[in-house]
Amino acid sequence: MKLALALALLPGVSAQQQHMLGADGHGIWNPSPACCSVSTAEDCVRTHPCRAAGETDVEAVHEAFMTFMTKFEKTYETVEEWAHRLTVFAQNAKIVLEHDAKAEGFALGLDNQFADWTAEEFASYQKLHSRPKPSQAGATHEVSDKAAPTAVDWRTEGVVADIKNQGSCGSCWTFSTVVSIEGAAARKTGKLVTLSEQNLVDCVKKDQIDGGDECCMGCSGGLMDNAFDYIIKNQDGGIDTEASYGYTGKDGTCAFDKANVGATISNWTDVAVGDEVALADALANAGPVSIALDASKQWQLYSGGILKPRSILGCSSDPTHADHGVAIVGYGTDDGVDYWWIRNSWGTTWGESGYMRLERGVNACGVANFASYPIAA
């Protein structure tokens, strides 16, 4: 099937609009140089030269999709699948443009690997496995008598490693766990050692967790407190280095080796549920904090600014909606708006080079519902 026929499957695409498609039948569209002068997908949709010349939005979206496919090395097995992904991409482009018009103070975009995913597919990607329970399993953080600083950024203190990418494995919980352990250990030793998420993916299993908890199932999800508990009780508090136990993004056989331990913890501490004052105090005094929150909707297309979950696309503060594990590595204020620095595990093309600024003070996305940090041994 030629590309022109595949494009014809899309709603609103006329035969006249198909004239721009290549006639060689190989499914390759070669846009004219005048319509191919921008470098990112969202720029193509927003400022496409052809739109200024009176051409259709369909052409702009199609070119943006081709740019997106090239950048993220997307391939589809059938033309029907290609057409479906283009349709989804077009629907997401509409969301981006509608959001632009509202000027809500943060940006959505098409320049990350999720731009051809439906909202349902993105939701299924979040893998905490089971919702955390709003209870204090570890020790409870005690707020210091000393006022927390107005801004904190542990990235500038040499205790936060480079952004990583969990890929298609539902291992967010391991990346969240590792960030806080790396931070705690670096603060104590003065040396940052990158640690192994794969150690946790392979080793932290349901039948090895005290109490028969539902957690954890590797790439099918897990929880951070359970990971802390497992490390302490089954690996003598140690976790291997990333250099010795590299990430594969797949479930594997546990190969923990005590000789390759890069950091050790003795306990963990939970922050009071929903208490952002306590969370800021914990972050300022203990280092990066592991959290679980609702990363649906706006997170998929987030590209920058301070996310405010108040529109119809907004994430939820309801504890039962928590579906993703990340880490908080700082907080600050920009133009009068307080925010948290969220470190994600979706690579550097997502958000602000892999990070998000999330509104602070309103428990946005449930940021303070499930927060904990380890104690370095």
Protein backbone atom coordinates (compact mmCIF):
# COMPACT_ATOMS: atom_id res chain seq x y z
CA MET A 1 0.00 0.00 0.00
CA LYS A 2 1.39 3.40 -0.93
CA LEU A 3 1.85 6.14 1.64
CA ALA A 4 -0.80 8.23 -0.11
CA LEU A 5 -3.37 5.50 0.50
CA ALA A 6 -2.32 5.21 4.13
CA LEU A 7 -2.68 8.95 4.61
CA ALA A 8 -6.11 8.75 3.02
CA LEU A 9 -7.16 6.62 6.00
CA LEU A 10 -6.80 9.70 8.20
CA PRO A 11 -9.92 11.77 8.87
CA GLY A 12 -10.08 14.93 6.79
CA VAL A 13 -7.27 14.13 4.35
CA SER A 14 -8.38 14.80 0.80
CA ALA A 15 -6.98 13.55 -2.48
CA GLN A 16 -5.79 17.08 -3.18
CA GLN A 17 -3.74 17.10 -0.01
CA GLN A 18 -2.04 13.87 -1.09
CA HIS A 19 -0.32 15.53 -4.05
CA MET A 20 2.68 16.31 -1.85
CA LEU A 21 3.39 12.61 -1.31
CA GLY A 22 6.12 10.91 -3.27
CA ALA A 23 4.98 8.90 -6.28
CA ASP A 24 7.56 6.14 -6.04
CA GLY A 25 5.31 3.96 -3.90
CA HIS A 26 7.90 3.34 -1.23
CA GLY A 27 6.10 5.23 1.50
CA ILE A 28 8.62 8.07 1.63
CA TRP A 29 7.47 11.66 1.58
CA ASN A 30 10.01 14.28 0.50
CA PRO A 31 8.71 17.73 1.49
CA SER A 32 9.97 20.76 -0.35
CA PRO A 33 12.91 22.58 1.31
CA ALA A 34 10.69 25.62 1.88
CA CYS A 35 8.50 23.52 4.17
CA CYS A 36 11.32 21.77 6.02
CA SER A 37 13.29 24.46 7.79
CA VAL A 38 12.64 23.66 11.46
CA SER A 39 14.40 21.16 13.68
CA THR A 40 11.77 19.90 16.11
CA ALA A 41 8.35 18.39 15.72
CA GLU A 42 6.48 20.97 17.76
CA ASP A 43 8.17 23.85 15.91
CA CYS A 44 7.05 22.25 12.68
CA VAL A 45 3.44 22.22 13.83
CA ARG A 46 3.52 25.71 15.36
CA THR A 47 5.53 27.66 12.75
CA HIS A 48 5.35 25.52 9.64
CA PRO A 49 6.10 27.74 6.59
CA CYS A 50 3.38 26.02 4.57
CA ARG A 51 0.75 27.09 7.12
CA ALA A 52 1.80 30.70 6.63
CA ALA A 53 1.39 30.19 2.89
CA GLY A 54 -2.18 28.98 3.39
CA GLU A 55 -1.61 25.23 3.15
CA THR A 56 -3.44 22.79 5.41
CA ASP A 57 -2.58 21.82 8.98
CA VAL A 58 -2.51 18.20 7.83
CA GLU A 59 0.64 18.87 5.85
CA ALA A 60 2.32 20.51 8.84
CA VAL A 61 1.43 17.62 11.14
CA HIS A 62 2.60 15.07 8.60
CA GLU A 63 5.97 16.76 8.22
CA ALA A 64 6.27 17.04 11.98
CA PHE A 65 5.54 13.33 12.26
CA MET A 66 8.28 12.48 9.77
CA THR A 67 10.70 14.66 11.77
CA PHE A 68 9.60 12.88 14.95
CA MET A 69 10.06 9.43 13.38
CA THR A 70 13.59 10.26 12.29
CA LYS A 71 14.69 11.75 15.59
CA PHE A 72 13.37 8.89 17.73
CA GLU A 73 14.09 6.14 15.18
CA LYS A 74 10.46 5.08 15.15
CA THR A 75 9.52 2.18 12.88
CA TYR A 76 6.10 0.60 12.36
CA GLU A 77 5.48 -2.91 11.07
CA THR A 78 2.56 -2.09 8.81
CA VAL A 79 1.24 0.91 6.92
CA GLU A 80 -1.95 0.62 8.97
CA GLU A 81 0.09 0.96 12.14
CA TRP A 82 1.91 3.95 10.62
CA ALA A 83 -1.44 5.57 9.81
CA HIS A 84 -2.69 4.90 13.34
CA ARG A 85 0.40 6.46 14.89
CA LEU A 86 0.12 9.48 12.62
CA THR A 87 -3.51 9.89 13.72
CA VAL A 88 -2.49 9.71 17.39
CA PHE A 89 0.35 12.15 16.76
CA ALA A 90 -2.11 14.55 15.11
CA GLN A 91 -4.46 14.29 18.09
CA ASN A 92 -1.57 15.09 20.43
CA ALA A 93 -0.57 18.00 18.20
CA LYS A 94 -4.07 19.39 18.67
CA ILE A 95 -3.70 19.12 22.45
CA VAL A 96 -0.39 21.00 22.27
CA LEU A 97 -1.81 23.81 20.15
CA GLU A 98 -4.91 24.15 22.34
CA HIS A 99 -2.69 24.30 25.41
CA ASP A 100 -0.53 26.97 23.75
CA ALA A 101 -3.59 29.14 23.30
CA LYS A 102 -4.36 29.04 27.03
CA ALA A 103 -0.88 30.27 28.08
CA GLU A 104 -0.91 28.36 31.38
CA GLY A 105 2.73 29.03 32.20
CA PHE A 106 4.21 25.71 31.13
CA ALA A 107 4.77 24.10 27.77
CA LEU A 108 3.56 20.91 26.17
CA GLY A 109 5.33 19.61 23.09
CA LEU A 110 5.80 16.78 20.61
CA ASP A 111 9.55 16.44 20.95
CA ASN A 112 9.74 13.33 23.11
CA GLN A 113 9.28 9.61 22.55
CA PHE A 114 5.66 9.57 23.76
CA ALA A 115 4.19 11.86 21.09
CA ASP A 116 2.73 8.92 19.09
CA TRP A 117 1.19 7.25 22.17
CA THR A 118 -2.43 7.42 23.23
CA ALA A 119 -3.25 8.57 26.76
CA GLU A 120 -4.24 4.99 27.58
CA GLU A 121 -0.92 3.61 26.38
CA PHE A 122 0.95 6.21 28.39
CA ALA A 123 -1.06 5.42 31.52
CA SER A 124 -0.24 1.73 31.20
CA TYR A 125 3.47 2.62 31.02
CA GLN A 126 3.44 3.82 34.64
CA LYS A 127 4.42 0.82 36.72
CA LEU A 128 4.26 1.14 40.47
CA HIS A 129 2.62 -2.33 40.26
CA SER A 130 0.41 -1.67 43.26
CA ARG A 131 -0.65 1.62 44.79
CA PRO A 132 1.38 2.54 47.86
CA LYS A 133 -0.56 2.50 51.08
CA PRO A 134 -0.73 5.86 52.93
CA SER A 135 1.00 4.54 56.03
CA GLN A 136 4.36 5.06 57.65
CA ALA A 137 6.37 1.87 57.19
CA GLY A 138 9.76 3.27 58.10
CA ALA A 139 10.71 5.90 60.65
CA THR A 140 8.87 9.22 60.28
CA HIS A 141 10.79 12.36 59.34
CA GLU A 142 10.95 14.93 62.12
CA VAL A 143 10.89 18.50 60.88
CA SER A 144 13.90 20.54 61.94
CA ASP A 145 13.54 23.59 64.18
CA LYS A 146 15.71 25.44 61.67
CA ALA A 147 13.87 27.03 58.76
CA ALA A 148 14.50 25.37 55.42
CA PRO A 149 16.43 27.43 52.85
CA THR A 150 14.46 29.31 50.20
CA ALA A 151 15.95 27.15 47.44
CA VAL A 152 17.72 23.79 47.19
CA ASP A 153 19.34 22.09 44.19
CA TRP A 154 21.31 18.94 44.96
CA ARG A 155 22.43 18.69 41.33
CA THR A 156 24.87 21.52 41.99
CA GLU A 157 26.32 19.70 45.01
CA GLY A 158 27.62 16.67 43.11
CA VAL A 159 25.22 14.14 44.60
CA VAL A 160 22.91 13.57 41.60
CA ALA A 161 23.99 11.46 38.61
CA ASP A 162 23.16 12.13 34.97
CA ILE A 163 19.63 11.51 33.70
CA LYS A 164 18.91 7.92 32.71
CA ASN A 165 16.22 6.26 30.59
CA GLN A 166 14.19 3.29 31.81
CA GLY A 167 13.12 2.47 28.26
CA SER A 168 10.11 0.20 27.82
CA CYS A 169 10.65 -1.54 31.18
CA GLY A 170 8.28 -0.48 33.97
CA SER A 171 11.19 0.07 36.33
CA CYS A 172 10.56 3.66 37.42
CA TRP A 173 10.58 2.51 41.04
CA THR A 174 14.19 1.30 40.75
CA PHE A 175 15.38 4.62 39.31
CA SER A 176 13.62 6.53 42.08
CA THR A 177 15.19 4.25 44.70
CA VAL A 178 18.67 4.55 43.22
CA VAL A 179 18.63 8.37 43.04
CA SER A 180 17.95 8.76 46.75
CA ILE A 181 20.51 6.10 47.71
CA GLU A 182 23.15 7.69 45.48
CA GLY A 183 22.41 11.06 47.06
CA ALA A 184 22.52 9.80 50.64
CA ALA A 185 25.78 7.93 50.05
CA ALA A 186 27.42 10.83 48.22
CA ARG A 187 26.51 13.25 50.99
CA LYS A 188 28.11 10.95 53.53
CA THR A 189 31.24 9.92 51.62
CA GLY A 190 31.80 12.97 49.45
CA LYS A 191 31.89 10.75 46.35
CA LEU A 192 29.08 10.10 43.87
CA VAL A 193 28.89 6.48 42.71
CA THR A 194 26.25 5.57 40.13
CA LEU A 195 24.31 2.51 41.26
CA SER A 196 22.49 -0.37 39.56
CA GLU A 197 18.79 -0.21 38.81
CA GLN A 198 19.11 -3.65 37.21
CA ASN A 199 20.16 -5.09 40.56
CA LEU A 200 16.71 -4.15 41.85
CA VAL A 201 14.82 -5.17 38.70
CA ASP A 202 16.30 -8.67 38.87
CA CYS A 203 16.45 -9.26 42.60
CA VAL A 204 13.55 -7.58 44.39
CA LYS A 205 10.76 -10.11 43.99
CA LYS A 206 7.34 -10.54 45.54
CA ASP A 207 8.18 -13.74 47.43
CA GLN A 208 11.25 -12.10 48.98
CA ILE A 209 9.38 -9.20 50.56
CA ASP A 210 8.28 -9.53 54.18
CA GLY A 211 4.54 -9.82 54.71
CA GLY A 212 3.69 -11.20 51.27
CA ASP A 213 3.29 -7.72 49.79
CA GLU A 214 2.18 -7.40 46.17
CA CYS A 215 5.48 -5.73 45.33
CA CYS A 216 7.71 -6.24 43.35
CA MET A 217 7.84 -7.68 39.84
CA GLY A 218 10.78 -6.13 38.01
CA CYS A 219 9.70 -4.53 34.75
CA SER A 220 6.08 -5.02 35.77
CA GLY A 221 6.44 -2.57 38.62
CA GLY A 222 7.47 -2.11 42.21
CA LEU A 223 7.67 0.28 45.15
CA MET A 224 10.54 2.26 46.62
CA ASP A 225 10.05 1.49 50.32
CA ASN A 226 9.91 -2.20 49.48
CA ALA A 227 13.18 -1.83 47.60
CA PHE A 228 14.82 -0.16 50.61
CA ASP A 229 13.50 -2.96 52.81
CA TYR A 230 14.78 -5.65 50.46
CA ILE A 231 18.25 -4.12 50.17
CA ILE A 232 18.61 -3.94 53.94
CA LYS A 233 17.31 -7.45 54.69
CA ASN A 234 18.58 -9.42 51.72
CA GLN A 235 21.72 -7.62 50.53
CA ASP A 236 23.10 -6.48 53.90
CA GLY A 237 22.12 -2.94 53.00
CA GLY A 238 24.24 -2.89 49.85
CA ILE A 239 23.50 -2.26 46.19
CA ASP A 240 25.85 -2.94 43.29
CA THR A 241 27.41 -0.29 41.11
CA GLU A 242 26.00 0.42 37.68
CA ALA A 243 29.43 -0.32 36.19
CA SER A 244 29.35 -3.86 37.57
CA TYR A 245 25.65 -4.57 36.97
CA GLY A 246 24.51 -2.66 33.88
CA TYR A 247 20.95 -1.82 32.91
CA THR A 248 19.30 -4.06 30.31
CA GLY A 249 15.71 -2.85 30.60
CA LYS A 250 14.54 -6.48 30.86
CA ASP A 251 13.72 -8.88 33.67
CA GLY A 252 16.69 -11.10 34.44
CA THR A 253 18.17 -13.49 36.99
CA CYS A 254 19.45 -11.91 40.18
CA ALA A 255 23.23 -11.51 40.00
CA PHE A 256 23.92 -9.35 43.06
CA ASP A 257 27.57 -9.54 44.09
CA LYS A 258 28.58 -8.18 47.47
CA ALA A 259 32.06 -7.54 46.10
CA ASN A 260 30.60 -4.93 43.74
CA VAL A 261 28.57 -2.92 46.26
CA GLY A 262 28.78 0.81 45.62
CA ALA A 263 26.69 2.11 48.54
CA THR A 264 25.11 0.83 51.74
CA ILE A 265 22.01 1.90 53.66
CA SER A 266 20.86 1.02 57.16
CA ASN A 267 17.25 2.22 57.19
CA TRP A 268 14.78 4.54 55.50
CA THR A 269 12.50 7.33 56.63
CA ASP A 270 9.00 8.24 55.46
CA VAL A 271 7.73 11.81 55.23
CA ALA A 272 4.29 12.59 56.65
CA VAL A 273 1.61 12.06 54.00
CA GLY A 274 0.65 15.24 52.14
CA ASP A 275 3.01 17.49 54.14
CA GLU A 276 5.01 19.65 51.72
CA VAL A 277 6.64 21.60 54.55
CA ALA A 278 8.04 18.34 55.92
CA LEU A 279 9.02 17.28 52.41
CA ALA A 280 11.00 20.49 51.84
CA ASP A 281 12.68 20.04 55.22
CA ALA A 282 13.58 16.43 54.41
CA LEU A 283 14.98 17.42 51.03
CA ALA A 284 17.07 20.25 52.49
CA ASN A 285 18.48 18.16 55.32
CA ALA A 286 18.63 14.59 53.99
CA GLY A 287 19.20 14.99 50.25
CA PRO A 288 17.21 13.65 47.27
CA VAL A 289 13.87 12.07 48.16
CA SER A 290 12.05 9.19 46.45
CA ILE A 291 8.37 9.84 45.74
CA ALA A 292 5.36 8.23 44.07
CA LEU A 293 2.81 10.43 42.30
CA ASP A 294 0.28 10.67 39.48
CA ALA A 295 2.21 11.13 36.23
CA SER A 296 -0.72 10.88 33.85
CA LYS A 297 -2.03 13.27 31.21
CA GLN A 298 0.11 16.44 31.22
CA TRP A 299 3.30 14.49 31.90
CA GLN A 300 3.17 12.72 28.55
CA LEU A 301 3.71 15.88 26.51
CA TYR A 302 5.37 18.11 29.12
CA SER A 303 8.32 20.02 27.66
CA GLY A 304 9.10 22.82 30.10
CA GLY A 305 8.01 25.43 32.62
CA ILE A 306 6.29 24.95 35.97
CA LEU A 307 3.54 22.38 35.58
CA LYS A 308 0.30 23.43 37.24
CA PRO A 309 -2.27 20.61 37.36
CA ARG A 310 -5.42 22.73 37.15
CA SER A 311 -6.73 22.18 33.63
CA ILE A 312 -8.84 19.30 32.32
CA LEU A 313 -5.53 17.54 31.63
CA GLY A 314 -4.41 17.97 35.21
CA CYS A 315 -2.93 15.13 37.25
CA SER A 316 -4.56 14.13 40.53
CA SER A 317 -3.55 14.61 44.16
CA ASP A 318 -5.66 11.61 45.17
CA PRO A 319 -3.32 9.00 46.73
CA THR A 320 -5.10 6.21 44.86
CA HIS A 321 -3.93 7.72 41.55
CA ALA A 322 -0.20 7.36 42.24
CA ASP A 323 1.33 5.49 39.32
CA HIS A 324 4.95 6.60 38.85
CA GLY A 325 8.16 6.68 40.86
CA VAL A 326 10.53 9.67 40.54
CA ALA A 327 12.85 11.64 42.81
CA ILE A 328 12.85 15.22 44.09
CA VAL A 329 16.29 16.81 43.92
CA GLY A 330 15.50 20.42 44.72
CA TYR A 331 13.01 23.24 44.95
CA GLY A 332 12.86 26.94 44.18
CA THR A 333 10.72 29.88 43.05
CA ASP A 334 10.35 31.42 39.61
CA ASP A 335 8.43 34.67 39.06
CA GLY A 336 6.55 34.16 42.31
CA VAL A 337 5.63 30.52 41.64
CA ASP A 338 7.11 27.90 43.98
CA TYR A 339 8.17 24.60 42.40
CA TRP A 340 9.85 21.25 42.98
CA TRP A 341 12.70 19.92 40.81
CA ILE A 342 11.55 16.44 39.73
CA ARG A 343 14.13 14.03 38.34
CA ASN A 344 12.52 11.58 35.93
CA SER A 345 13.82 8.46 34.17
CA TRP A 346 12.58 9.06 30.61
CA GLY A 347 15.81 10.34 29.08
CA THR A 348 16.98 13.88 28.33
CA THR A 349 14.55 14.59 25.48
CA TRP A 350 11.64 14.66 27.91
CA GLY A 351 10.85 17.84 29.85
CA GLU A 352 13.66 20.20 30.79
CA SER A 353 16.56 17.91 29.85
CA GLY A 354 14.96 15.06 31.78
CA TYR A 355 13.63 17.16 34.66
CA MET A 356 10.30 18.76 35.49
CA ARG A 357 9.44 21.79 37.56
CA LEU A 358 6.23 20.95 39.40
CA GLU A 359 4.16 23.51 41.28
CA ARG A 360 4.90 23.49 45.02
CA GLY A 361 2.45 24.18 47.84
CA VAL A 362 -0.68 22.51 46.43
CA ASN A 363 0.38 18.86 46.62
CA ALA A 364 0.43 18.84 42.83
CA CYS A 365 0.04 15.34 41.38
CA GLY A 366 0.21 14.01 44.95
CA VAL A 367 3.89 14.95 45.18
CA ALA A 368 3.90 14.68 48.99
CA ASN A 369 1.67 11.64 49.43
CA PHE A 370 4.38 8.97 49.34
CA ALA A 371 7.85 10.35 50.04
CA SER A 372 10.79 8.57 51.64
CA TYR A 373 14.57 8.63 51.78
CA PRO A 374 17.27 6.15 52.83
CA ILE A 375 19.81 6.50 55.62
CA ALA A 376 23.38 5.89 54.43
CA ALA A 377 25.30 3.36 56.52
